[in-house]
Amino acid sequence: MMNLTIKRFEIWLADLNPKQGTEAGKTRPVVIVQTDLLNEFEHPSTIICPITTNVQKGADVLRVHLPKGNLDTESDIMVDQIRAIDNKRFIKKLGAINDNQRYQLVNSLKAILDLL
C-alpha cells in the first residue's frame, strides 16, 4: 500500500471511476477538504471536492473558481460534490489552492452543509 502524505487544501489527481448518476467521474483533480488531524493518522479515506474544467460563472456558493495557474486549465472546485474517497484512488499531487481560494471554499462548504 502506498504511503501518502496528503494535506488539507492540496490538489491531487484522483481516479473517481466508477461513477454513479450525477457524480463526478473520470481521472481528475480533486482538492482535499478533510482536516489534517485525520490526514496525519493515515485515515484510509479522505474527504475531497472534485475539480472540473466545465467552468460555470455565477455559481458562487456551489463553485470556487480556479484561474489558470493552479492547474493547466481554468477550473472550478465543485463544492456540492463533496465526498469521501479511498486513498487508493490518489495518483499524484498537483499543487495547492491559495489563501483566498481556501477562504472561499471553507465558506461555501459551511453554506451548503448549513454550518453557518
Protein backbone atom coordinates (compact mmCIF):
# COMPACT_ATOMS: atom_id res chain seq x y z
CA MET A 1 0.00 0.00 0.00
CA MET A 2 1.27 3.42 -0.97
CA ASN A 3 2.13 5.69 1.96
CA LEU A 4 0.55 9.06 1.15
CA THR A 5 1.25 12.36 2.79
CA ILE A 6 -1.77 14.48 1.98
CA LYS A 7 -2.67 17.84 3.45
CA ARG A 8 -5.82 19.90 3.52
CA PHE A 9 -6.23 22.23 0.53
CA GLU A 10 -3.79 20.32 -1.68
CA ILE A 11 -4.82 19.44 -5.23
CA TRP A 12 -4.35 15.78 -6.18
CA LEU A 13 -5.07 13.81 -9.32
CA ALA A 14 -7.51 11.00 -8.45
CA ASP A 15 -9.36 8.23 -10.26
CA LEU A 16 -13.06 8.75 -9.44
CA ASN A 17 -14.33 5.85 -11.58
CA PRO A 18 -16.70 4.12 -11.46
CA LYS A 19 -19.23 6.91 -11.04
CA GLN A 20 -22.93 6.68 -10.29
CA GLY A 21 -25.56 9.03 -11.72
CA THR A 22 -24.55 12.68 -11.42
CA GLU A 23 -21.31 12.02 -9.51
CA ALA A 24 -18.10 13.40 -10.96
CA GLY A 25 -16.18 10.56 -12.58
CA LYS A 26 -13.01 10.14 -14.65
CA THR A 27 -9.45 10.75 -13.55
CA ARG A 28 -9.49 14.37 -12.46
CA PRO A 29 -8.00 16.82 -9.97
CA VAL A 30 -9.58 16.99 -6.52
CA VAL A 31 -8.98 19.28 -3.57
CA ILE A 32 -8.52 17.81 -0.08
CA VAL A 33 -11.05 19.26 2.39
CA GLN A 34 -10.54 16.78 5.23
CA THR A 35 -8.82 18.06 8.39
CA ASP A 36 -5.11 17.35 8.74
CA LEU A 37 -5.92 15.74 12.12
CA LEU A 38 -7.23 12.74 10.13
CA ASN A 39 -4.65 13.06 7.35
CA GLU A 40 -1.78 12.75 9.85
CA PHE A 41 -3.18 9.48 11.25
CA GLU A 42 -3.22 7.80 7.82
CA HIS A 43 -7.00 7.53 7.75
CA PRO A 44 -7.89 5.09 4.90
CA SER A 45 -10.27 7.51 3.15
CA THR A 46 -10.20 11.24 2.51
CA ILE A 47 -12.92 13.87 2.07
CA ILE A 48 -12.49 15.76 -1.19
CA CYS A 49 -14.22 18.07 -3.64
CA PRO A 50 -13.74 17.24 -7.35
CA ILE A 51 -12.47 19.87 -9.79
CA THR A 52 -13.91 20.42 -13.28
CA THR A 53 -12.84 22.37 -16.36
CA ASN A 54 -16.55 22.97 -17.10
CA VAL A 55 -16.45 26.47 -15.57
CA GLN A 56 -19.80 27.98 -14.61
CA LYS A 57 -19.96 31.71 -13.99
CA GLY A 58 -22.27 32.91 -11.22
CA ALA A 59 -22.40 29.61 -9.27
CA ASP A 60 -20.58 31.22 -6.36
CA VAL A 61 -21.74 29.00 -3.48
CA LEU A 62 -21.58 25.76 -5.45
CA ARG A 63 -18.25 26.50 -7.16
CA VAL A 64 -14.90 28.04 -6.26
CA HIS A 65 -13.15 29.36 -9.37
CA LEU A 66 -9.51 28.44 -10.00
CA PRO A 67 -7.88 30.58 -12.70
CA LYS A 68 -5.29 29.02 -15.00
CA GLY A 69 -2.13 28.70 -12.94
CA ASN A 70 -3.47 26.48 -10.16
CA LEU A 71 -3.82 23.87 -12.93
CA ASP A 72 -3.09 23.95 -16.66
CA THR A 73 -6.68 24.97 -17.42
CA GLU A 74 -9.18 27.37 -15.84
CA SER A 75 -11.28 25.23 -13.48
CA ASP A 76 -13.91 25.17 -10.72
CA ILE A 77 -13.97 23.27 -7.43
CA MET A 78 -17.38 21.55 -7.29
CA VAL A 79 -18.29 22.23 -3.66
CA ASP A 80 -21.67 20.47 -3.94
CA GLN A 81 -19.92 17.23 -5.00
CA ILE A 82 -18.09 16.75 -1.65
CA ARG A 83 -17.40 13.08 -0.95
CA ALA A 84 -15.06 10.64 0.73
CA ILE A 85 -12.81 8.51 -1.45
CA ASP A 86 -10.47 5.64 -0.66
CA ASN A 87 -6.84 6.73 -0.56
CA LYS A 88 -6.02 4.13 -3.25
CA ARG A 89 -7.73 6.48 -5.73
CA PHE A 90 -4.98 9.15 -5.40
CA ILE A 91 -2.43 9.22 -8.23
CA LYS A 92 -0.18 12.23 -7.65
CA LYS A 93 -0.03 15.65 -6.01
CA LEU A 94 -0.58 18.59 -8.40
CA GLY A 95 -0.32 21.61 -6.09
CA ALA A 96 -2.49 23.53 -3.65
CA ILE A 97 -5.07 26.31 -3.56
CA ASN A 98 -4.13 29.77 -2.26
CA ASP A 99 -5.39 31.51 0.90
CA ASN A 100 -8.22 33.37 -0.87
CA GLN A 101 -9.42 30.16 -2.54
CA ARG A 102 -9.25 28.36 0.84
CA TYR A 103 -11.42 31.06 2.43
CA GLN A 104 -13.98 30.82 -0.39
CA LEU A 105 -14.02 27.02 -0.21
CA VAL A 106 -14.50 26.91 3.58
CA ASN A 107 -17.33 29.46 3.40
CA SER A 108 -19.03 27.57 0.55
CA LEU A 109 -18.76 24.29 2.47
CA LYS A 110 -20.28 25.95 5.54
CA ALA A 111 -23.16 27.27 3.41
CA ILE A 112 -24.03 24.02 1.62
CA LEU A 113 -23.73 22.00 4.84
CA ASP A 114 -25.70 24.63 6.81
CA LEU A 115 -22.88 25.16 9.30
CA LEU A 116 -23.02 28.98 9.31
